[in-house]
């Protein structure tokens, strides 16, 4: 077990320092934070868990939001290279991958539903799931939050960015 240095929480709980770090990472006040879904080995947030409805009433389908700037940058490089289009094409050609992507969608929806039901986004996950790939950041956030084997494309992106960013090494 990794010991997380103070003043960070040791699990999914959110402490005031987490909110300060999230503001620094995002460049704005974080909204709808209900937990830290994944942490850097140094304790800082990697992925935030967000309420399905923000305080202002806005439905928010992105339950898992990747916040760590070096991780965001590494994933953005793959997005800029067109990986989403390639992955979407593979979903149409590989029934096994498409079924696994559908299961990731279902898991994402179940996680969000546990936080509360929002009619406007019922059945809608994020990142393009289940039929396409729209946002690699969401898939990686989900993969980091859920662990290996739940979101196969998120796991794949994590493997692809491993040379420039990886969750077991602090780059904060």
Protein backbone atom coordinates (compact mmCIF):
# COMPACT_ATOMS: atom_id res chain seq x y z
CA UNK A 1 0.00 0.00 0.00
CA UNK A 2 1.27 3.44 -0.95
CA UNK A 3 1.33 6.04 1.77
CA UNK A 4 -0.01 9.32 0.47
CA UNK A 5 1.65 12.38 1.96
CA UNK A 6 -0.48 14.93 3.81
CA UNK A 7 -2.43 17.04 3.01
CA UNK A 8 -4.01 14.74 0.40
CA UNK A 9 -6.73 12.23 1.11
CA UNK A 10 -5.71 8.58 0.96
CA UNK A 11 -8.63 7.34 -1.13
CA UNK A 12 -11.56 8.71 -3.07
CA UNK A 13 -12.41 11.34 -0.47
CA UNK A 14 -11.90 14.96 -1.39
CA UNK A 15 -10.06 17.28 0.96
CA UNK A 16 -9.62 21.04 0.54
CA UNK A 17 -6.09 20.60 -0.86
CA UNK A 18 -7.52 18.38 -3.62
CA UNK A 19 -9.84 21.18 -4.69
CA UNK A 20 -6.92 23.61 -4.75
CA UNK A 21 -4.91 21.23 -6.93
CA UNK A 22 -7.88 20.66 -9.25
CA UNK A 23 -8.26 24.41 -9.67
CA UNK A 24 -4.56 24.65 -10.55
CA UNK A 25 -4.77 21.68 -12.95
CA UNK A 26 -7.93 22.87 -14.72
CA UNK A 27 -7.24 26.60 -14.65
CA UNK A 28 -10.72 27.16 -13.22
CA UNK A 29 -12.85 26.30 -10.22
CA UNK A 30 -13.73 22.59 -10.41
CA UNK A 31 -17.45 21.83 -10.66
CA UNK A 32 -19.49 18.94 -9.36
CA UNK A 33 -16.60 17.11 -7.68
CA UNK A 34 -17.86 14.13 -5.68
CA UNK A 35 -14.63 12.18 -5.41
CA UNK A 36 -11.13 11.56 -6.63
CA UNK A 37 -11.38 8.51 -8.88
CA UNK A 38 -7.62 8.08 -9.35
CA UNK A 39 -4.56 9.63 -7.76
CA UNK A 40 -0.94 10.12 -8.74
CA UNK A 41 1.55 8.18 -6.66
CA UNK A 42 2.30 11.52 -4.96
CA UNK A 43 -1.34 11.83 -3.90
CA UNK A 44 -2.51 14.56 -6.28
CA UNK A 45 -5.67 13.96 -8.31
CA UNK A 46 -5.36 12.28 -11.73
CA UNK A 47 -9.06 11.73 -12.37
CA UNK A 48 -11.98 13.46 -10.70
CA UNK A 49 -15.39 11.85 -10.23
CA UNK A 50 -18.10 14.33 -11.15
CA UNK A 51 -21.78 14.53 -10.27
CA UNK A 52 -24.20 13.81 -13.11
CA UNK A 53 -25.89 17.15 -12.48
CA UNK A 54 -23.84 20.25 -11.68
CA UNK A 55 -24.85 22.72 -8.98
CA UNK A 56 -26.36 25.05 -11.59
CA UNK A 57 -28.65 22.24 -12.80
CA UNK A 58 -26.69 21.39 -15.94
CA UNK A 59 -26.65 17.67 -16.79
CA UNK A 60 -23.04 16.48 -16.92
CA UNK A 61 -22.40 13.07 -18.52
CA UNK A 62 -18.62 13.05 -17.92
CA UNK A 63 -18.35 11.11 -14.68
CA UNK A 64 -14.59 10.57 -14.98
CA UNK A 65 -12.62 13.67 -15.90
CA UNK A 66 -8.87 13.41 -16.52
CA UNK A 67 -7.23 16.37 -14.75
CA UNK A 68 -3.47 15.73 -14.51
CA UNK A 69 -1.84 18.12 -17.04
CA UNK A 70 0.97 15.79 -18.16
CA UNK A 71 -1.56 12.97 -18.70
CA UNK A 72 -3.93 15.31 -20.54
CA UNK A 73 -1.05 16.46 -22.78
CA UNK A 74 0.05 12.91 -23.58
CA UNK A 75 -3.49 11.87 -24.51
CA UNK A 76 -4.04 15.09 -26.49
CA UNK A 77 -1.06 14.19 -28.67
CA UNK A 78 -2.78 10.93 -29.64
CA UNK A 79 -6.05 12.73 -30.30
CA UNK A 80 -4.26 15.21 -32.56
CA UNK A 81 -2.78 12.29 -34.47
CA UNK A 82 -6.20 10.94 -35.40
CA UNK A 83 -6.32 7.91 -33.14
CA UNK A 84 -10.03 8.39 -32.41
CA UNK A 85 -10.94 7.90 -36.07
CA UNK A 86 -8.80 4.74 -36.23
CA UNK A 87 -10.36 3.32 -33.07
CA UNK A 88 -13.87 4.09 -34.30
CA UNK A 89 -13.11 2.23 -37.54
CA UNK A 90 -11.85 -0.76 -35.54
CA UNK A 91 -15.12 -0.84 -33.59
CA UNK A 92 -16.92 -1.40 -36.89
CA UNK A 93 -14.56 -4.21 -37.91
CA UNK A 94 -13.93 -6.07 -34.64
CA UNK A 95 -17.06 -7.48 -32.98
CA UNK A 96 -15.14 -8.51 -29.86
CA UNK A 97 -13.70 -5.02 -29.40
CA UNK A 98 -17.13 -3.47 -30.04
CA UNK A 99 -18.68 -5.75 -27.39
CA UNK A 100 -15.97 -4.81 -24.89
CA UNK A 101 -16.50 -1.11 -25.67
CA UNK A 102 -20.24 -1.64 -25.07
CA UNK A 103 -19.47 -3.24 -21.70
CA UNK A 104 -17.28 -0.23 -20.82
CA UNK A 105 -20.23 2.02 -21.70
CA UNK A 106 -22.52 -0.03 -19.45
CA UNK A 107 -20.01 0.11 -16.59
CA UNK A 108 -19.66 3.87 -17.03
CA UNK A 109 -23.44 4.30 -16.92
CA UNK A 110 -23.71 2.16 -13.79
CA UNK A 111 -21.02 4.22 -12.04
CA UNK A 112 -22.80 7.45 -12.93
CA UNK A 113 -26.23 6.12 -11.97
CA UNK A 114 -24.81 5.30 -8.52
CA UNK A 115 -24.29 9.05 -8.11
CA UNK A 116 -27.86 9.90 -9.13
CA UNK A 117 -30.27 9.62 -12.01
CA UNK A 118 -30.52 12.44 -14.55
CA UNK A 119 -33.24 11.96 -17.17
CA UNK A 120 -31.60 14.21 -19.77
CA UNK A 121 -28.50 12.01 -20.00
CA UNK A 122 -30.08 8.63 -19.28
CA UNK A 123 -28.35 6.02 -21.44
CA UNK A 124 -25.72 8.49 -22.66
CA UNK A 125 -22.21 7.85 -21.45
CA UNK A 126 -19.22 9.90 -22.58
CA UNK A 127 -16.29 9.75 -24.92
CA UNK A 128 -18.45 8.48 -27.77
CA UNK A 129 -19.27 5.19 -26.09
CA UNK A 130 -20.69 2.79 -27.12
CA UNK A 131 -20.57 3.17 -30.91
CA UNK A 132 -17.61 5.45 -31.56
CA UNK A 133 -14.58 7.08 -29.99
CA UNK A 134 -15.03 10.80 -29.46
CA UNK A 135 -12.73 11.62 -26.53
CA UNK A 136 -9.67 9.65 -25.47
CA UNK A 137 -9.43 11.65 -22.24
CA UNK A 138 -12.73 10.20 -21.03
CA UNK A 139 -11.69 6.66 -21.93
CA UNK A 140 -8.38 7.07 -20.09
CA UNK A 141 -10.12 8.65 -17.09
CA UNK A 142 -12.48 5.70 -16.94
CA UNK A 143 -9.63 3.21 -17.34
CA UNK A 144 -7.67 4.83 -14.51
CA UNK A 145 -10.73 4.97 -12.25
CA UNK A 146 -12.03 1.47 -12.95
CA UNK A 147 -8.71 -0.35 -13.30
CA UNK A 148 -7.38 -2.58 -16.08
CA UNK A 149 -9.80 -4.63 -18.14
CA UNK A 150 -12.90 -2.45 -17.83
CA UNK A 151 -12.30 0.04 -20.64
CA UNK A 152 -10.22 -1.67 -23.33
CA UNK A 153 -9.63 1.41 -25.46
CA UNK A 154 -8.70 3.43 -22.40
CA UNK A 155 -6.25 0.68 -21.45
CA UNK A 156 -4.87 0.78 -24.98
CA UNK A 157 -4.33 4.54 -24.83
CA UNK A 158 -2.56 4.17 -21.48
CA UNK A 159 -0.20 1.67 -23.11
CA UNK A 160 0.40 4.03 -26.05
CA UNK A 161 1.31 7.01 -23.84
CA UNK A 162 3.49 4.97 -21.48
CA UNK A 163 6.72 6.36 -22.95
CA UNK A 164 5.68 9.95 -22.17
CA UNK A 165 3.34 9.51 -19.19
CA UNK A 166 2.39 6.68 -16.87
CA UNK A 167 0.34 6.55 -13.69
CA UNK A 168 2.98 4.82 -11.58
CA UNK A 169 5.46 7.73 -11.91
CA UNK A 170 4.87 11.22 -10.64
CA UNK A 171 5.19 13.96 -13.25
CA UNK A 172 3.22 16.59 -11.33
